[in-house]
Amino acid sequence: MDERDITFNQSMPDENLTIQGEICYTPWAPASSPWAPTGYSVLYTTIKEPMNLALAKEQKVIDGLSAEHLLRRNLDAQSMLDLERLLTQFPNSAIEFSSYSCAVGDLDRNTIFWEVRNY
């Protein structure tokens, strides 16, 4: 067998998935929210499947202070700091993420940020 024919894939532990989705700036965030000056909104799902399949079955949207509370309940402290850094560095981008009930990856966090993209 040729080395070029060998591939490796370590799948994420979907059985430990808590939420997944994307966070982005939305100017219509509720004015009563402390998070309103940033205007962030979260599109997410709790279905434990690959994100594209899960979002096809369930899409929830939450913004303002409720979005912040949802994220703080599901992301560990270090993951929240990572997210806040990404939001500061890329304030007008969509940030795609998956959060788990266990640590994932090499950095001992419970959240993976898959993509930061502009529309």
PDB file of N, CA and C in Angstrom:
ATOM      1  N   MET A   1       0.851  -1.178   0.000  1.00  0.00           N
ATOM      2  CA  MET A   1       0.000   0.000   0.000  1.00  0.00           C
ATOM      3  C   MET A   1       0.896   1.240   0.000  1.00  0.00           C
ATOM      4  N   ASP A   2       0.511   2.216  -0.778  1.00  0.00           N
ATOM      5  CA  ASP A   2       1.252   3.471  -0.878  1.00  0.00           C
ATOM      6  C   ASP A   2       0.861   4.409   0.262  1.00  0.00           C
ATOM      7  N   GLU A   3       1.834   5.131   0.812  1.00  0.00           N
ATOM      8  CA  GLU A   3       1.551   6.083   1.911  1.00  0.00           C
ATOM      9  C   GLU A   3       0.481   7.092   1.541  1.00  0.00           C
ATOM     10  N   ARG A   4       0.410   7.495   0.299  1.00  0.00           N
ATOM     11  CA  ARG A   4      -0.578   8.497  -0.138  1.00  0.00           C
ATOM     12  C   ARG A   4      -2.012   7.968  -0.055  1.00  0.00           C
ATOM     13  N   ASP A   5      -2.161   6.658   0.057  1.00  0.00           N
ATOM     14  CA  ASP A   5      -3.488   6.050   0.138  1.00  0.00           C
ATOM     15  C   ASP A   5      -3.990   5.900   1.572  1.00  0.00           C
ATOM     16  N   ILE A   6      -3.184   6.304   2.535  1.00  0.00           N
ATOM     17  CA  ILE A   6      -3.545   6.156   3.939  1.00  0.00           C
ATOM     18  C   ILE A   6      -4.077   7.488   4.461  1.00  0.00           C
ATOM     19  N   THR A   7      -5.236   7.455   5.087  1.00  0.00           N
ATOM     20  CA  THR A   7      -5.801   8.659   5.703  1.00  0.00           C
ATOM     21  C   THR A   7      -6.242   8.337   7.122  1.00  0.00           C
ATOM     22  N   PHE A   8      -6.296   9.359   7.948  1.00  0.00           N
ATOM     23  CA  PHE A   8      -6.746   9.213   9.325  1.00  0.00           C
ATOM     24  C   PHE A   8      -7.816  10.248   9.597  1.00  0.00           C
ATOM     25  N   ASN A   9      -8.804   9.869  10.386  1.00  0.00           N
ATOM     26  CA  ASN A   9      -9.863  10.796  10.767  1.00  0.00           C
ATOM     27  C   ASN A   9     -10.315  10.439  12.173  1.00  0.00           C
ATOM     28  N   GLN A  10     -10.190  11.392  13.067  1.00  0.00           N
ATOM     29  CA  GLN A  10     -10.714  11.176  14.406  1.00  0.00           C
ATOM     30  C   GLN A  10     -11.974  12.018  14.530  1.00  0.00           C
ATOM     31  N   SER A  11     -13.102  11.354  14.554  1.00  0.00           N
ATOM     32  CA  SER A  11     -14.377  12.064  14.625  1.00  0.00           C
ATOM     33  C   SER A  11     -14.576  12.682  16.003  1.00  0.00           C
ATOM     34  N   MET A  12     -15.361  13.733  16.026  1.00  0.00           N
ATOM     35  CA  MET A  12     -15.693  14.379  17.293  1.00  0.00           C
ATOM     36  C   MET A  12     -16.673  13.487  18.063  1.00  0.00           C
ATOM     37  N   PRO A  13     -16.706  13.602  19.389  1.00  0.00           N
ATOM     38  CA  PRO A  13     -17.596  12.766  20.207  1.00  0.00           C
ATOM     39  C   PRO A  13     -19.031  13.309  20.214  1.00  0.00           C
ATOM     40  N   ASP A  14     -19.760  13.095  19.116  1.00  0.00           N
ATOM     41  CA  ASP A  14     -21.113  13.657  18.998  1.00  0.00           C
ATOM     42  C   ASP A  14     -22.030  13.262  20.148  1.00  0.00           C
ATOM     43  N   GLU A  15     -21.780  12.111  20.779  1.00  0.00           N
ATOM     44  CA  GLU A  15     -22.618  11.722  21.918  1.00  0.00           C
ATOM     45  C   GLU A  15     -22.467  12.695  23.087  1.00  0.00           C
ATOM     46  N   ASN A  16     -21.388  13.480  23.106  1.00  0.00           N
ATOM     47  CA  ASN A  16     -21.149  14.479  24.158  1.00  0.00           C
ATOM     48  C   ASN A  16     -21.472  15.901  23.714  1.00  0.00           C
ATOM     49  N   LEU A  17     -22.033  16.062  22.542  1.00  0.00           N
ATOM     50  CA  LEU A  17     -22.362  17.386  22.007  1.00  0.00           C
ATOM     51  C   LEU A  17     -23.442  18.040  22.863  1.00  0.00           C
ATOM     52  N   THR A  18     -23.262  19.315  23.208  1.00  0.00           N
ATOM     53  CA  THR A  18     -24.305  20.039  23.940  1.00  0.00           C
ATOM     54  C   THR A  18     -25.027  21.011  23.014  1.00  0.00           C
ATOM     55  N   ILE A  19     -24.282  21.884  22.345  1.00  0.00           N
ATOM     56  CA  ILE A  19     -24.870  22.766  21.332  1.00  0.00           C
ATOM     57  C   ILE A  19     -23.859  22.959  20.210  1.00  0.00           C
ATOM     58  N   GLN A  20     -24.377  23.339  19.054  1.00  0.00           N
ATOM     59  CA  GLN A  20     -23.515  23.692  17.923  1.00  0.00           C
ATOM     60  C   GLN A  20     -24.251  24.700  17.068  1.00  0.00           C
ATOM     61  N   GLY A  21     -23.500  25.555  16.409  1.00  0.00           N
ATOM     62  CA  GLY A  21     -24.118  26.543  15.555  1.00  0.00           C
ATOM     63  C   GLY A  21     -23.153  27.634  15.180  1.00  0.00           C
ATOM     64  N   GLU A  22     -23.677  28.863  15.073  1.00  0.00           N
ATOM     65  CA  GLU A  22     -22.822  29.986  14.736  1.00  0.00           C
ATOM     66  C   GLU A  22     -23.316  31.236  15.444  1.00  0.00           C
ATOM     67  N   ILE A  23     -22.363  32.091  15.720  1.00  0.00           N
ATOM     68  CA  ILE A  23     -22.660  33.366  16.350  1.00  0.00           C
ATOM     69  C   ILE A  23     -22.231  34.462  15.392  1.00  0.00           C
ATOM     70  N   CYS A  24     -23.049  35.504  15.281  1.00  0.00           N
ATOM     71  CA  CYS A  24     -22.693  36.608  14.394  1.00  0.00           C
ATOM     72  C   CYS A  24     -23.370  37.891  14.871  1.00  0.00           C
ATOM     73  N   TYR A  25     -22.881  38.996  14.352  1.00  0.00           N
ATOM     74  CA  TYR A  25     -23.419  40.307  14.682  1.00  0.00           C
ATOM     75  C   TYR A  25     -24.753  40.498  13.983  1.00  0.00           C
ATOM     76  N   THR A  26     -25.750  40.966  14.738  1.00  0.00           N
ATOM     77  CA  THR A  26     -27.043  41.305  14.155  1.00  0.00           C
ATOM     78  C   THR A  26     -27.486  42.643  14.733  1.00  0.00           C
ATOM     79  N   PRO A  27     -27.720  43.622  13.914  1.00  0.00           N
ATOM     80  CA  PRO A  27     -28.080  44.949  14.420  1.00  0.00           C
ATOM     81  C   PRO A  27     -29.433  45.015  15.113  1.00  0.00           C
ATOM     82  N   TRP A  28     -30.250  43.966  15.010  1.00  0.00           N
ATOM     83  CA  TRP A  28     -31.588  44.002  15.627  1.00  0.00           C
ATOM     84  C   TRP A  28     -31.641  43.337  16.996  1.00  0.00           C
ATOM     85  N   ALA A  29     -30.498  43.143  17.645  1.00  0.00           N
ATOM     86  CA  ALA A  29     -30.509  42.573  18.994  1.00  0.00           C
ATOM     87  C   ALA A  29     -31.320  43.484  19.914  1.00  0.00           C
ATOM     88  N   PRO A  30     -32.005  42.932  20.907  1.00  0.00           N
ATOM     89  CA  PRO A  30     -32.870  43.742  21.764  1.00  0.00           C
ATOM     90  C   PRO A  30     -32.103  44.825  22.524  1.00  0.00           C
ATOM     91  N   ALA A  31     -32.637  46.023  22.507  1.00  0.00           N
ATOM     92  CA  ALA A  31     -31.962  47.163  23.131  1.00  0.00           C
ATOM     93  C   ALA A  31     -31.856  47.028  24.646  1.00  0.00           C
ATOM     94  N   SER A  32     -32.712  46.235  25.266  1.00  0.00           N
ATOM     95  CA  SER A  32     -32.694  46.093  26.721  1.00  0.00           C
ATOM     96  C   SER A  32     -31.568  45.193  27.223  1.00  0.00           C
ATOM     97  N   SER A  33     -30.857  44.547  26.329  1.00  0.00           N
ATOM     98  CA  SER A  33     -29.837  43.589  26.714  1.00  0.00           C
ATOM     99  C   SER A  33     -28.469  44.237  26.894  1.00  0.00           C
ATOM    100  N   PRO A  34     -27.735  43.855  27.961  1.00  0.00           N
ATOM    101  CA  PRO A  34     -26.361  44.336  28.096  1.00  0.00           C
ATOM    102  C   PRO A  34     -25.489  43.902  26.921  1.00  0.00           C
ATOM    103  N   TRP A  35     -25.888  42.855  26.242  1.00  0.00           N
ATOM    104  CA  TRP A  35     -25.139  42.400  25.081  1.00  0.00           C
ATOM    105  C   TRP A  35     -25.542  43.165  23.833  1.00  0.00           C
ATOM    106  N   ALA A  36     -26.588  44.003  23.923  1.00  0.00           N
ATOM    107  CA  ALA A  36     -27.115  44.710  22.757  1.00  0.00           C
ATOM    108  C   ALA A  36     -26.100  45.615  22.068  1.00  0.00           C
ATOM    109  N   PRO A  37     -25.202  46.294  22.785  1.00  0.00           N
ATOM    110  CA  PRO A  37     -24.248  47.134  22.054  1.00  0.00           C
ATOM    111  C   PRO A  37     -23.423  46.343  21.039  1.00  0.00           C
ATOM    112  N   THR A  38     -23.162  45.091  21.324  1.00  0.00           N
ATOM    113  CA  THR A  38     -22.447  44.272  20.358  1.00  0.00           C
ATOM    114  C   THR A  38     -23.410  43.670  19.351  1.00  0.00           C
ATOM    115  N   GLY A  39     -24.667  43.461  19.743  1.00  0.00           N
ATOM    116  CA  GLY A  39     -25.677  42.943  18.837  1.00  0.00           C
ATOM    117  C   GLY A  39     -25.422  41.537  18.341  1.00  0.00           C
ATOM    118  N   TYR A  40     -24.958  40.633  19.200  1.00  0.00           N
ATOM    119  CA  TYR A  40     -24.670  39.276  18.754  1.00  0.00           C
ATOM    120  C   TYR A  40     -25.875  38.360  18.898  1.00  0.00           C
ATOM    121  N   SER A  41     -25.975  37.440  17.951  1.00  0.00           N
ATOM    122  CA  SER A  41     -27.065  36.480  17.899  1.00  0.00           C
ATOM    123  C   SER A  41     -26.471  35.095  17.659  1.00  0.00           C
ATOM    124  N   VAL A  42     -27.127  34.067  18.202  1.00  0.00           N
ATOM    125  CA  VAL A  42     -26.648  32.694  18.042  1.00  0.00           C
ATOM    126  C   VAL A  42     -27.725  31.874  17.330  1.00  0.00           C
ATOM    127  N   LEU A  43     -27.344  31.260  16.237  1.00  0.00           N
ATOM    128  CA  LEU A  43     -28.164  30.262  15.548  1.00  0.00           C
ATOM    129  C   LEU A  43     -27.587  28.929  15.985  1.00  0.00           C
ATOM    130  N   TYR A  44     -28.426  28.047  16.562  1.00  0.00           N
ATOM    131  CA  TYR A  44     -27.867  26.814  17.113  1.00  0.00           C
ATOM    132  C   TYR A  44     -28.858  25.661  17.067  1.00  0.00           C
ATOM    133  N   THR A  45     -28.324  24.485  17.369  1.00  0.00           N
ATOM    134  CA  THR A  45     -29.119  23.275  17.494  1.00  0.00           C
ATOM    135  C   THR A  45     -28.546  22.447  18.636  1.00  0.00           C
ATOM    136  N   THR A  46     -29.394  21.607  19.204  1.00  0.00           N
ATOM    137  CA  THR A  46     -28.946  20.684  20.254  1.00  0.00           C
ATOM    138  C   THR A  46     -28.953  19.234  19.766  1.00  0.00           C
ATOM    139  N   ILE A  47     -29.277  19.026  18.506  1.00  0.00           N
ATOM    140  CA  ILE A  47     -29.307  17.675  17.947  1.00  0.00           C
ATOM    141  C   ILE A  47     -27.871  17.164  17.802  1.00  0.00           C
ATOM    142  N   LYS A  48     -27.649  15.939  18.212  1.00  0.00           N
ATOM    143  CA  LYS A  48     -26.302  15.348  18.265  1.00  0.00           C
ATOM    144  C   LYS A  48     -25.968  14.634  16.956  1.00  0.00           C
ATOM    145  N   GLU A  49     -25.819  15.423  15.912  1.00  0.00           N
ATOM    146  CA  GLU A  49     -25.464  14.926  14.589  1.00  0.00           C
ATOM    147  C   GLU A  49     -24.533  15.953  13.955  1.00  0.00           C
ATOM    148  N   PRO A  50     -23.908  15.630  12.810  1.00  0.00           N
ATOM    149  CA  PRO A  50     -23.121  16.653  12.120  1.00  0.00           C
ATOM    150  C   PRO A  50     -23.961  17.912  11.905  1.00  0.00           C
ATOM    151  N   MET A  51     -23.308  19.069  12.013  1.00  0.00           N
ATOM    152  CA  MET A  51     -24.051  20.332  12.072  1.00  0.00           C
ATOM    153  C   MET A  51     -25.015  20.546  10.915  1.00  0.00           C
ATOM    154  N   ASN A  52     -24.599  20.276   9.686  1.00  0.00           N
ATOM    155  CA  ASN A  52     -25.503  20.527   8.567  1.00  0.00           C
ATOM    156  C   ASN A  52     -26.770  19.674   8.659  1.00  0.00           C
ATOM    157  N   LEU A  53     -26.641  18.430   9.102  1.00  0.00           N
ATOM    158  CA  LEU A  53     -27.812  17.572   9.269  1.00  0.00           C
ATOM    159  C   LEU A  53     -28.665  18.022  10.453  1.00  0.00           C
ATOM    160  N   ALA A  54     -28.000  18.389  11.548  1.00  0.00           N
ATOM    161  CA  ALA A  54     -28.719  18.815  12.752  1.00  0.00           C
ATOM    162  C   ALA A  54     -29.493  20.103  12.506  1.00  0.00           C
ATOM    163  N   LEU A  55     -28.867  21.078  11.838  1.00  0.00           N
ATOM    164  CA  LEU A  55     -29.555  22.347  11.573  1.00  0.00           C
ATOM    165  C   LEU A  55     -30.711  22.172  10.592  1.00  0.00           C
ATOM    166  N   ALA A  56     -30.649  21.160   9.750  1.00  0.00           N
ATOM    167  CA  ALA A  56     -31.772  20.887   8.851  1.00  0.00           C
ATOM    168  C   ALA A  56     -32.990  20.385   9.630  1.00  0.00           C
ATOM    169  N   LYS A  57     -32.748  19.782  10.799  1.00  0.00           N
ATOM    170  CA  LYS A  57     -33.833  19.254  11.630  1.00  0.00           C
ATOM    171  C   LYS A  57     -34.306  20.243  12.683  1.00  0.00           C
ATOM    172  N   GLU A  58     -33.386  21.082  13.184  1.00  0.00           N
ATOM    173  CA  GLU A  58     -33.731  22.002  14.272  1.00  0.00           C
ATOM    174  C   GLU A  58     -32.845  23.239  14.180  1.00  0.00           C
ATOM    175  N   GLN A  59     -33.479  24.406  14.148  1.00  0.00           N
ATOM    176  CA  GLN A  59     -32.750  25.671  14.199  1.00  0.00           C
ATOM    177  C   GLN A  59     -33.382  26.552  15.253  1.00  0.00           C
ATOM    178  N   LYS A  60     -32.567  26.976  16.200  1.00  0.00           N
ATOM    179  CA  LYS A  60     -33.019  27.907  17.222  1.00  0.00           C
ATOM    180  C   LYS A  60     -32.189  29.171  17.092  1.00  0.00           C
ATOM    181  N   VAL A  61     -32.806  30.313  17.351  1.00  0.00           N
ATOM    182  CA  VAL A  61     -32.100  31.596  17.292  1.00  0.00           C
ATOM    183  C   VAL A  61     -32.337  32.315  18.606  1.00  0.00           C
ATOM    184  N   ILE A  62     -31.265  32.846  19.155  1.00  0.00           N
ATOM    185  CA  ILE A  62     -31.350  33.561  20.425  1.00  0.00           C
ATOM    186  C   ILE A  62     -30.363  34.719  20.362  1.00  0.00           C
ATOM    187  N   ASP A  63     -30.724  35.853  20.963  1.00  0.00           N
ATOM    188  CA  ASP A  63     -29.806  36.985  20.899  1.00  0.00           C
ATOM    189  C   ASP A  63     -29.774  37.735  22.218  1.00  0.00           C
ATOM    190  N   GLY A  64     -28.936  38.754  22.254  1.00  0.00           N
ATOM    191  CA  GLY A  64     -28.823  39.594  23.439  1.00  0.00           C
ATOM    192  C   GLY A  64     -28.328  38.832  24.655  1.00  0.00           C
ATOM    193  N   LEU A  65     -28.806  39.230  25.806  1.00  0.00           N
ATOM    194  CA  LEU A  65     -28.401  38.624  27.072  1.00  0.00           C
ATOM    195  C   LEU A  65     -28.722  37.131  27.115  1.00  0.00           C
ATOM    196  N   SER A  66     -29.823  36.726  26.518  1.00  0.00           N
ATOM    197  CA  SER A  66     -30.177  35.301  26.472  1.00  0.00           C
ATOM    198  C   SER A  66     -29.121  34.494  25.717  1.00  0.00           C
ATOM    199  N   ALA A  67     -28.587  35.058  24.636  1.00  0.00           N
ATOM    200  CA  ALA A  67     -27.527  34.385  23.875  1.00  0.00           C
ATOM    201  C   ALA A  67     -26.270  34.253  24.725  1.00  0.00           C
ATOM    202  N   GLU A  68     -25.916  35.311  25.422  1.00  0.00           N
ATOM    203  CA  GLU A  68     -24.737  35.255  26.280  1.00  0.00           C
ATOM    204  C   GLU A  68     -24.906  34.183  27.361  1.00  0.00           C
ATOM    205  N   HIS A  69     -26.086  34.124  27.979  1.00  0.00           N
ATOM    206  CA  HIS A  69     -26.340  33.120  29.020  1.00  0.00           C
ATOM    207  C   HIS A  69     -26.264  31.698  28.447  1.00  0.00           C
ATOM    208  N   LEU A  70     -26.831  31.500  27.259  1.00  0.00           N
ATOM    209  CA  LEU A  70     -26.768  30.185  26.615  1.00  0.00           C
ATOM    210  C   LEU A  70     -25.310  29.769  26.412  1.00  0.00           C
ATOM    211  N   LEU A  71     -24.504  30.679  25.912  1.00  0.00           N
ATOM    212  CA  LEU A  71     -23.102  30.362  25.664  1.00  0.00           C
ATOM    213  C   LEU A  71     -22.359  30.100  26.972  1.00  0.00           C
ATOM    214  N   ARG A  72     -22.593  30.910  27.992  1.00  0.00           N
ATOM    215  CA  ARG A  72     -21.901  30.711  29.274  1.00  0.00           C
ATOM    216  C   ARG A  72     -22.307  29.393  29.952  1.00  0.00           C
ATOM    217  N   ARG A  73     -23.533  28.928  29.694  1.00  0.00           N
ATOM    218  CA  ARG A  73     -23.966  27.628  30.234  1.00  0.00           C
ATOM    219  C   ARG A  73     -23.298  26.463  29.519  1.00  0.00           C
ATOM    220  N   ASN A  74     -22.918  26.648  28.279  1.00  0.00           N
ATOM    221  CA  ASN A  74     -22.429  25.538  27.472  1.00  0.00           C
ATOM    222  C   ASN A  74     -20.935  25.563  27.169  1.00  0.00           C
ATOM    223  N   LEU A  75     -20.322  26.721  27.137  1.00  0.00           N
ATOM    224  CA  LEU A  75     -18.896  26.831  26.877  1.00  0.00           C
ATOM    225  C   LEU A  75     -18.160  26.954  28.199  1.00  0.00           C
ATOM    226  N   ASP A  76     -17.060  26.241  28.348  1.00  0.00           N
ATOM    227  CA  ASP A  76     -16.273  26.405  29.568  1.00  0.00           C
ATOM    228  C   ASP A  76     -15.607  27.783  29.556  1.00  0.00           C
ATOM    229  N   ALA A  77     -15.024  28.164  30.682  1.00  0.00           N
ATOM    230  CA  ALA A  77     -14.480  29.518  30.837  1.00  0.00           C
ATOM    231  C   ALA A  77     -13.429  29.837  29.775  1.00  0.00           C
ATOM    232  N   GLN A  78     -12.533  28.910  29.493  1.00  0.00           N
ATOM    233  CA  GLN A  78     -11.485  29.176  28.506  1.00  0.00           C
ATOM    234  C   GLN A  78     -12.066  29.290  27.102  1.00  0.00           C
ATOM    235  N   SER A  79     -13.080  28.483  26.797  1.00  0.00           N
ATOM    236  CA  SER A  79     -13.735  28.584  25.489  1.00  0.00           C
ATOM    237  C   SER A  79     -14.446  29.924  25.335  1.00  0.00           C
ATOM    238  N   MET A  80     -15.062  30.415  26.416  1.00  0.00           N
ATOM    239  CA  MET A  80     -15.699  31.738  26.366  1.00  0.00           C
ATOM    240  C   MET A  80     -14.657  32.821  26.099  1.00  0.00           C
ATOM    241  N   LEU A  81     -13.500  32.718  26.739  1.00  0.00           N
ATOM    242  CA  LEU A  81     -12.427  33.689  26.473  1.00  0.00           C
ATOM    243  C   LEU A  81     -11.982  33.614  25.017  1.00  0.00           C
ATOM    244  N   ASP A  82     -11.857  32.405  24.491  1.00  0.00           N
ATOM    245  CA  ASP A  82     -11.495  32.243  23.080  1.00  0.00           C
ATOM    246  C   ASP A  82     -12.541  32.896  22.178  1.00  0.00           C
ATOM    247  N   LEU A  83     -13.818  32.670  22.487  1.00  0.00           N
ATOM    248  CA  LEU A  83     -14.892  33.262  21.697  1.00  0.00           C
ATOM    249  C   LEU A  83     -14.839  34.786  21.772  1.00  0.00           C
ATOM    250  N   GLU A  84     -14.655  35.329  22.962  1.00  0.00           N
ATOM    251  CA  GLU A  84     -14.594  36.782  23.108  1.00  0.00           C
ATOM    252  C   GLU A  84     -13.434  37.365  22.301  1.00  0.00           C
ATOM    253  N   ARG A  85     -12.298  36.667  22.267  1.00  0.00           N
ATOM    254  CA  ARG A  85     -11.161  37.122  21.442  1.00  0.00           C
ATOM    255  C   ARG A  85     -11.529  37.103  19.957  1.00  0.00           C
ATOM    256  N   LEU A  86     -12.191  36.034  19.521  1.00  0.00           N
ATOM    257  CA  LEU A  86     -12.601  35.949  18.121  1.00  0.00           C
ATOM    258  C   LEU A  86     -13.598  37.051  17.767  1.00  0.00           C
ATOM    259  N   LEU A  87     -14.561  37.311  18.658  1.00  0.00           N
ATOM    260  CA  LEU A  87     -15.548  38.358  18.400  1.00  0.00           C
ATOM    261  C   LEU A  87     -14.897  39.734  18.337  1.00  0.00           C
ATOM    262  N   THR A  88     -13.858  39.941  19.137  1.00  0.00           N
ATOM    263  CA  THR A  88     -13.132  41.216  19.107  1.00  0.00           C
ATOM    264  C   THR A  88     -12.330  41.335  17.814  1.00  0.00           C
ATOM    265  N   GLN A  89     -11.669  40.276  17.433  1.00  0.00           N
ATOM    266  CA  GLN A  89     -10.824  40.303  16.246  1.00  0.00           C
ATOM    267  C   GLN A  89     -11.635  40.294  14.950  1.00  0.00           C
ATOM    268  N   PHE A  90     -12.785  39.614  14.957  1.00  0.00           N
ATOM    269  CA  PHE A  90     -13.619  39.474  13.758  1.00  0.00           C
ATOM    270  C   PHE A  90     -15.066  39.855  14.080  1.00  0.00           C
ATOM    271  N   PRO A  91     -15.335  41.131  14.385  1.00  0.00           N
ATOM    272  CA  PRO A  91     -16.666  41.521  14.873  1.00  0.00           C
ATOM    273  C   PRO A  91     -17.795  41.386  13.852  1.00  0.00           C
ATOM    274  N   ASN A  92     -17.480  41.332  12.579  1.00  0.00           N
ATOM    275  CA  ASN A  92     -18.525  41.251  11.559  1.00  0.00           C
ATOM    276  C   ASN A  92     -18.546  39.910  10.842  1.00  0.00           C
ATOM    277  N   SER A  93     -17.959  38.898  11.462  1.00  0.00           N
ATOM    278  CA  SER A  93     -17.888  37.571  10.860  1.00  0.00           C
ATOM    279  C   SER A  93     -18.806  36.606  11.593  1.00  0.00           C
ATOM    280  N   ALA A  94     -19.148  35.519  10.921  1.00  0.00           N
ATOM    281  CA  ALA A  94     -19.874  34.416  11.559  1.00  0.00           C
ATOM    282  C   ALA A  94     -18.839  33.447  12.109  1.00  0.00           C
ATOM    283  N   ILE A  95     -19.034  33.008  13.343  1.00  0.00           N
ATOM    284  CA  ILE A  95     -18.107  32.092  13.998  1.00  0.00           C
ATOM    285  C   ILE A  95     -18.849  30.787  14.267  1.00  0.00           C
ATOM    286  N   GLU A  96     -18.402  29.735  13.610  1.00  0.00           N
ATOM    287  CA  GLU A  96     -19.053  28.429  13.723  1.00  0.00           C
ATOM    288  C   GLU A  96     -18.388  27.628  14.839  1.00  0.00           C
ATOM    289  N   PHE A  97     -19.210  26.973  15.668  1.00  0.00           N
ATOM    290  CA  PHE A  97     -18.670  26.277  16.838  1.00  0.00           C
ATOM    291  C   PHE A  97     -19.468  25.020  17.169  1.00  0.00           C
ATOM    292  N   SER A  98     -18.827  24.152  17.931  1.00  0.00           N
ATOM    293  CA  SER A  98     -19.484  22.997  18.541  1.00  0.00           C
ATOM    294  C   SER A  98     -18.976  22.888  19.966  1.00  0.00           C
ATOM    295  N   SER A  99     -19.894  22.709  20.928  1.00  0.00           N
ATOM    296  CA  SER A  99     -19.525  22.577  22.336  1.00  0.00           C
ATOM    297  C   SER A  99     -19.911  21.196  22.841  1.00  0.00           C
ATOM    298  N   TYR A 100     -19.076  20.677  23.730  1.00  0.00           N
ATOM    299  CA  TYR A 100     -19.225  19.313  24.226  1.00  0.00           C
ATOM    300  C   TYR A 100     -19.243  19.296  25.749  1.00  0.00           C
ATOM    301  N   SER A 101     -19.707  18.207  26.316  1.00  0.00           N
ATOM    302  CA  SER A 101     -19.731  18.056  27.777  1.00  0.00           C
ATOM    303  C   SER A 101     -18.402  17.537  28.309  1.00  0.00           C
ATOM    304  N   CYS A 102     -17.413  17.441  27.439  1.00  0.00           N
ATOM    305  CA  CYS A 102     -16.072  16.991  27.829  1.00  0.00           C
ATOM    306  C   CYS A 102     -15.042  17.832  27.073  1.00  0.00           C
ATOM    307  N   ALA A 103     -13.806  17.768  27.506  1.00  0.00           N
ATOM    308  CA  ALA A 103     -12.736  18.475  26.807  1.00  0.00           C
ATOM    309  C   ALA A 103     -12.470  17.800  25.463  1.00  0.00           C
ATOM    310  N   VAL A 104     -12.206  18.606  24.445  1.00  0.00           N
ATOM    311  CA  VAL A 104     -11.894  18.095  23.111  1.00  0.00           C
ATOM    312  C   VAL A 104     -10.668  18.839  22.569  1.00  0.00           C
ATOM    313  N   GLY A 105      -9.924  18.208  21.720  1.00  0.00           N
ATOM    314  CA  GLY A 105      -8.763  18.852  21.131  1.00  0.00           C
ATOM    315  C   GLY A 105      -7.557  18.832  22.050  1.00  0.00           C
ATOM    316  N   ASP A 106      -6.533  19.525  21.643  1.00  0.00           N
ATOM    317  CA  ASP A 106      -5.261  19.541  22.363  1.00  0.00           C
ATOM    318  C   ASP A 106      -5.162  20.643  23.416  1.00  0.00           C
ATOM    319  N   LEU A 107      -6.117  21.553  23.461  1.00  0.00           N
ATOM    320  CA  LEU A 107      -6.002  22.724  24.343  1.00  0.00           C
ATOM    321  C   LEU A 107      -6.857  22.628  25.594  1.00  0.00           C
ATOM    322  N   ASP A 108      -7.427  21.464  25.888  1.00  0.00           N
ATOM    323  CA  ASP A 108      -8.220  21.249  27.100  1.00  0.00           C
ATOM    324  C   ASP A 108      -9.374  22.239  27.222  1.00  0.00           C
ATOM    325  N   ARG A 109     -10.175  22.316  26.157  1.00  0.00           N
ATOM    326  CA  ARG A 109     -11.376  23.148  26.137  1.00  0.00           C
ATOM    327  C   ARG A 109     -12.542  22.261  25.709  1.00  0.00           C
ATOM    328  N   ASN A 110     -13.761  22.740  25.948  1.00  0.00           N
ATOM    329  CA  ASN A 110     -14.915  21.940  25.548  1.00  0.00           C
ATOM    330  C   ASN A 110     -15.558  22.423  24.260  1.00  0.00           C
ATOM    331  N   THR A 111     -14.941  23.381  23.588  1.00  0.00           N
ATOM    332  CA  THR A 111     -15.527  23.951  22.379  1.00  0.00           C
ATOM    333  C   THR A 111     -14.495  23.995  21.259  1.00  0.00           C
ATOM    334  N   ILE A 112     -14.953  23.637  20.077  1.00  0.00           N
ATOM    335  CA  ILE A 112     -14.147  23.753  18.868  1.00  0.00           C
ATOM    336  C   ILE A 112     -14.752  24.869  18.024  1.00  0.00           C
ATOM    337  N   PHE A 113     -13.926  25.796  17.590  1.00  0.00           N
ATOM    338  CA  PHE A 113     -14.354  26.842  16.658  1.00  0.00           C
ATOM    339  C   PHE A 113     -13.901  26.391  15.279  1.00  0.00           C
ATOM    340  N   TRP A 114     -14.868  26.035  14.452  1.00  0.00           N
ATOM    341  CA  TRP A 114     -14.579  25.415  13.164  1.00  0.00           C
ATOM    342  C   TRP A 114     -14.206  26.437  12.104  1.00  0.00           C
ATOM    343  N   GLU A 115     -14.846  27.573  12.162  1.00  0.00           N
ATOM    344  CA  GLU A 115     -14.694  28.490  11.030  1.00  0.00           C
ATOM    345  C   GLU A 115     -15.056  29.898  11.465  1.00  0.00           C
ATOM    346  N   VAL A 116     -14.342  30.849  10.914  1.00  0.00           N
ATOM    347  CA  VAL A 116     -14.678  32.260  11.025  1.00  0.00           C
ATOM    348  C   VAL A 116     -14.803  32.754   9.593  1.00  0.00           C
ATOM    349  N   ARG A 117     -15.993  33.238   9.198  1.00  0.00           N
ATOM    350  CA  ARG A 117     -16.196  33.623   7.793  1.00  0.00           C
ATOM    351  C   ARG A 117     -17.011  34.899   7.691  1.00  0.00           C
ATOM    352  N   ASN A 118     -16.804  35.587   6.608  1.00  0.00           N
ATOM    353  CA  ASN A 118     -17.573  36.784   6.270  1.00  0.00           C
ATOM    354  C   ASN A 118     -18.580  36.430   5.186  1.00  0.00           C
ATOM    355  N   TYR A 119     -19.739  37.069   5.243  1.00  0.00           N
ATOM    356  CA  TYR A 119     -20.750  36.851   4.208  1.00  0.00           C
ATOM    357  C   TYR A 119     -20.682  37.955   3.200  1.00  0.00           C
TER     358      TYR A 119
END
